[in-house]
N, C-alpha and C. Protein backbone atom coordinates (compact mmCIF):
# COMPACT_ATOMS: atom_id res chain seq x y z
N MET A 1 59.20 -18.71 12.92
CA MET A 1 59.56 -19.83 12.20
C MET A 1 60.51 -19.53 11.01
N ASP A 2 61.58 -20.24 10.94
CA ASP A 2 62.55 -19.87 9.83
C ASP A 2 62.55 -20.95 8.70
N THR A 3 61.74 -21.95 8.89
CA THR A 3 61.58 -22.99 7.81
C THR A 3 60.16 -23.05 7.32
N THR A 4 59.93 -22.70 6.08
CA THR A 4 58.68 -22.81 5.46
C THR A 4 58.63 -23.81 4.49
N TYR A 5 57.49 -24.48 4.19
CA TYR A 5 57.33 -25.56 3.24
C TYR A 5 55.92 -25.58 2.68
N ASN A 6 55.69 -26.08 1.55
CA ASN A 6 54.37 -26.22 0.94
C ASN A 6 53.54 -27.13 1.93
N GLY A 7 52.40 -26.54 2.24
CA GLY A 7 51.54 -27.32 3.17
C GLY A 7 51.64 -26.88 4.68
N ILE A 8 52.62 -25.98 4.92
CA ILE A 8 52.76 -25.48 6.35
C ILE A 8 51.50 -24.88 6.76
N PRO A 9 50.94 -25.14 7.97
CA PRO A 9 49.70 -24.56 8.48
C PRO A 9 49.90 -22.99 8.50
N ALA A 10 48.90 -22.32 8.02
CA ALA A 10 48.96 -20.83 7.97
C ALA A 10 49.10 -20.32 9.45
N SER A 11 48.56 -21.04 10.42
CA SER A 11 48.67 -20.57 11.80
C SER A 11 50.22 -20.57 12.32
N GLU A 12 51.04 -21.33 11.62
CA GLU A 12 52.44 -21.31 12.01
C GLU A 12 53.22 -20.07 11.41
N LEU A 13 52.59 -19.36 10.52
CA LEU A 13 53.21 -18.20 9.95
C LEU A 13 52.78 -16.98 10.79
N GLN A 14 53.30 -16.93 11.96
CA GLN A 14 52.80 -16.02 12.98
C GLN A 14 53.04 -14.54 12.60
N CYS A 15 53.99 -14.19 11.85
CA CYS A 15 54.26 -12.71 11.51
C CYS A 15 53.57 -12.35 10.27
N ALA A 16 52.78 -13.26 9.61
CA ALA A 16 52.18 -13.03 8.35
C ALA A 16 51.15 -11.95 8.46
N ARG A 17 51.05 -11.11 7.42
CA ARG A 17 50.10 -10.03 7.28
C ARG A 17 49.32 -10.43 6.03
N TRP A 18 48.27 -11.09 6.09
CA TRP A 18 47.56 -11.67 4.98
C TRP A 18 46.72 -10.57 4.29
N ARG A 19 46.67 -10.60 2.90
CA ARG A 19 46.00 -9.66 2.16
C ARG A 19 45.16 -10.32 1.09
N LYS A 20 44.08 -9.76 0.75
CA LYS A 20 43.20 -10.32 -0.26
C LYS A 20 42.86 -9.23 -1.26
N SER A 21 42.42 -9.57 -2.44
CA SER A 21 42.01 -8.57 -3.39
C SER A 21 40.74 -7.88 -2.98
N SER A 22 40.67 -6.54 -3.34
CA SER A 22 39.46 -5.78 -3.00
C SER A 22 38.32 -6.28 -3.87
N PHE A 23 38.57 -7.12 -4.95
CA PHE A 23 37.54 -7.67 -5.75
C PHE A 23 36.81 -8.86 -5.08
N SER A 24 37.37 -9.39 -3.98
CA SER A 24 36.88 -10.55 -3.29
C SER A 24 35.53 -10.37 -2.67
N GLY A 25 35.12 -9.12 -2.35
CA GLY A 25 33.83 -8.83 -1.65
C GLY A 25 34.17 -8.82 -0.19
N ASN A 26 33.11 -8.41 0.59
CA ASN A 26 33.29 -8.32 2.10
C ASN A 26 32.65 -9.48 2.77
N GLY A 27 33.50 -10.11 3.60
CA GLY A 27 32.92 -11.15 4.51
C GLY A 27 32.45 -12.33 3.98
N ASN A 28 32.68 -12.67 2.67
CA ASN A 28 32.16 -13.90 2.14
C ASN A 28 33.07 -15.04 2.22
N ASN A 29 34.35 -14.84 2.75
CA ASN A 29 35.23 -15.91 2.91
C ASN A 29 35.53 -16.75 1.69
N ASN A 30 35.39 -16.12 0.56
CA ASN A 30 35.59 -16.88 -0.79
C ASN A 30 36.81 -16.33 -1.54
N CYS A 31 37.94 -16.21 -0.94
CA CYS A 31 39.02 -15.65 -1.55
C CYS A 31 40.38 -16.35 -1.31
N VAL A 32 41.32 -15.93 -2.11
CA VAL A 32 42.69 -16.44 -1.83
C VAL A 32 43.41 -15.14 -1.16
N GLU A 33 44.21 -15.51 -0.11
CA GLU A 33 44.94 -14.49 0.67
C GLU A 33 46.39 -14.72 0.41
N MET A 34 47.18 -13.70 0.39
CA MET A 34 48.67 -13.85 0.19
C MET A 34 49.43 -13.07 1.21
N THR A 35 50.62 -13.42 1.51
CA THR A 35 51.48 -12.65 2.29
C THR A 35 52.96 -12.98 1.89
N ARG A 36 53.79 -11.90 1.92
CA ARG A 36 55.22 -12.01 1.70
C ARG A 36 55.93 -12.39 2.96
N LEU A 37 56.79 -13.45 2.86
CA LEU A 37 57.51 -13.93 3.94
C LEU A 37 58.80 -13.18 4.04
N ALA A 38 59.47 -13.22 5.18
CA ALA A 38 60.84 -12.69 5.40
C ALA A 38 61.84 -13.22 4.42
N THR A 39 61.71 -14.34 3.92
CA THR A 39 62.57 -15.02 2.90
C THR A 39 62.42 -14.45 1.51
N GLY A 40 61.33 -13.66 1.36
CA GLY A 40 61.05 -13.10 -0.03
C GLY A 40 60.00 -13.98 -0.72
N GLU A 41 59.82 -15.11 -0.26
CA GLU A 41 58.80 -16.01 -0.79
C GLU A 41 57.37 -15.48 -0.48
N VAL A 42 56.34 -16.02 -1.17
CA VAL A 42 54.95 -15.67 -0.94
C VAL A 42 54.15 -16.80 -0.58
N ALA A 43 53.42 -16.66 0.48
CA ALA A 43 52.52 -17.74 1.04
C ALA A 43 51.12 -17.44 0.56
N VAL A 44 50.40 -18.48 0.15
CA VAL A 44 49.03 -18.30 -0.29
C VAL A 44 48.15 -19.23 0.54
N ARG A 45 46.97 -18.76 0.94
CA ARG A 45 46.05 -19.66 1.75
C ARG A 45 44.58 -19.31 1.28
N ASN A 46 43.74 -20.21 1.57
CA ASN A 46 42.31 -20.16 1.30
C ASN A 46 41.61 -19.49 2.52
N SER A 47 40.95 -18.40 2.29
CA SER A 47 40.28 -17.69 3.44
C SER A 47 39.25 -18.50 4.15
N ARG A 48 38.71 -19.54 3.50
CA ARG A 48 37.68 -20.38 4.16
C ARG A 48 38.37 -21.35 5.23
N ASP A 49 39.61 -21.43 5.16
CA ASP A 49 40.43 -22.29 6.01
C ASP A 49 41.65 -21.53 6.50
N PRO A 50 41.47 -20.41 7.36
CA PRO A 50 42.65 -19.54 7.64
C PRO A 50 43.86 -20.17 8.38
N ASP A 51 43.48 -21.30 9.16
CA ASP A 51 44.54 -21.98 9.78
C ASP A 51 45.01 -23.20 9.08
N GLY A 52 44.51 -23.41 7.84
CA GLY A 52 44.82 -24.59 6.99
C GLY A 52 46.17 -24.42 6.26
N PRO A 53 46.38 -25.36 5.37
CA PRO A 53 47.65 -25.43 4.65
C PRO A 53 47.85 -24.17 3.82
N THR A 54 49.17 -23.87 3.62
CA THR A 54 49.49 -22.82 2.63
C THR A 54 50.39 -23.33 1.59
N LEU A 55 50.44 -22.67 0.49
CA LEU A 55 51.38 -22.95 -0.60
C LEU A 55 52.47 -21.86 -0.57
N ILE A 56 53.70 -22.23 -0.81
CA ILE A 56 54.76 -21.23 -0.76
C ILE A 56 55.36 -21.13 -2.16
N TYR A 57 55.43 -19.94 -2.64
CA TYR A 57 56.00 -19.68 -3.95
C TYR A 57 57.14 -18.81 -3.94
N THR A 58 58.11 -18.85 -4.80
CA THR A 58 59.24 -17.93 -4.98
C THR A 58 58.73 -16.68 -5.59
N ARG A 59 59.50 -15.74 -5.45
CA ARG A 59 59.19 -14.40 -5.93
C ARG A 59 59.03 -14.47 -7.61
N ALA A 60 59.88 -15.27 -8.17
CA ALA A 60 59.85 -15.38 -9.62
C ALA A 60 58.53 -16.12 -10.00
N GLU A 61 58.12 -17.06 -9.28
CA GLU A 61 56.90 -17.82 -9.62
C GLU A 61 55.70 -16.87 -9.49
N VAL A 62 55.64 -16.07 -8.45
CA VAL A 62 54.60 -15.15 -8.33
C VAL A 62 54.51 -14.01 -9.41
N GLU A 63 55.78 -13.63 -9.72
CA GLU A 63 55.91 -12.54 -10.79
C GLU A 63 55.44 -13.12 -12.11
N ALA A 64 55.73 -14.37 -12.45
CA ALA A 64 55.24 -15.00 -13.62
C ALA A 64 53.75 -15.02 -13.70
N LEU A 65 53.21 -15.47 -12.57
CA LEU A 65 51.72 -15.53 -12.53
C LEU A 65 51.00 -14.23 -12.70
N ILE A 66 51.54 -13.05 -11.95
CA ILE A 66 51.02 -11.86 -12.03
C ILE A 66 51.01 -11.28 -13.51
N ARG A 67 52.18 -11.43 -14.09
CA ARG A 67 52.38 -11.00 -15.46
C ARG A 67 51.45 -11.74 -16.37
N GLY A 68 51.16 -13.01 -16.17
CA GLY A 68 50.24 -13.77 -17.02
C GLY A 68 48.77 -13.29 -16.83
N VAL A 69 48.40 -13.01 -15.58
CA VAL A 69 47.07 -12.51 -15.24
C VAL A 69 46.90 -11.10 -15.97
N ARG A 70 47.89 -10.29 -15.84
CA ARG A 70 47.78 -8.99 -16.43
C ARG A 70 47.70 -9.00 -17.95
N ASN A 71 48.33 -10.10 -18.52
CA ASN A 71 48.26 -10.22 -19.97
C ASN A 71 46.99 -10.96 -20.45
N GLY A 72 46.18 -11.43 -19.53
CA GLY A 72 44.89 -12.04 -19.92
C GLY A 72 45.06 -13.56 -20.23
N GLU A 73 46.16 -14.09 -19.85
CA GLU A 73 46.47 -15.53 -20.22
C GLU A 73 45.52 -16.54 -19.42
N PHE A 74 44.89 -16.09 -18.42
CA PHE A 74 44.02 -16.97 -17.74
C PHE A 74 42.55 -16.60 -17.72
N ASP A 75 42.23 -15.67 -18.58
CA ASP A 75 40.86 -15.18 -18.65
C ASP A 75 39.93 -16.30 -18.94
N ASP A 76 40.29 -17.26 -19.67
CA ASP A 76 39.34 -18.40 -19.99
C ASP A 76 38.95 -19.28 -18.79
N LEU A 77 39.69 -19.08 -17.78
CA LEU A 77 39.35 -19.84 -16.43
C LEU A 77 38.14 -19.20 -15.77
N ILE A 78 37.70 -18.04 -16.07
CA ILE A 78 36.49 -17.44 -15.31
C ILE A 78 35.41 -17.08 -16.43
N SER A 79 35.54 -17.43 -17.62
CA SER A 79 34.47 -17.21 -18.61
C SER A 79 33.66 -18.36 -18.97
């Protein structure tokens, strides 16, 4: 598939190699999974619905999120 869009079913991203955080635990299906697409964008899905919709982010958007997480800007969301 060469056209991706927000909400695309994860099952349509056939070459995706989904990854999740090692902090997610084993087998609980309670995590966010991510994969980098051939376009350089990053797709995100909910592991509880592996064939469900995905969100597609640009590299810059993901970089901003990761930098914010590393900087503690979202710590209040889990406290």
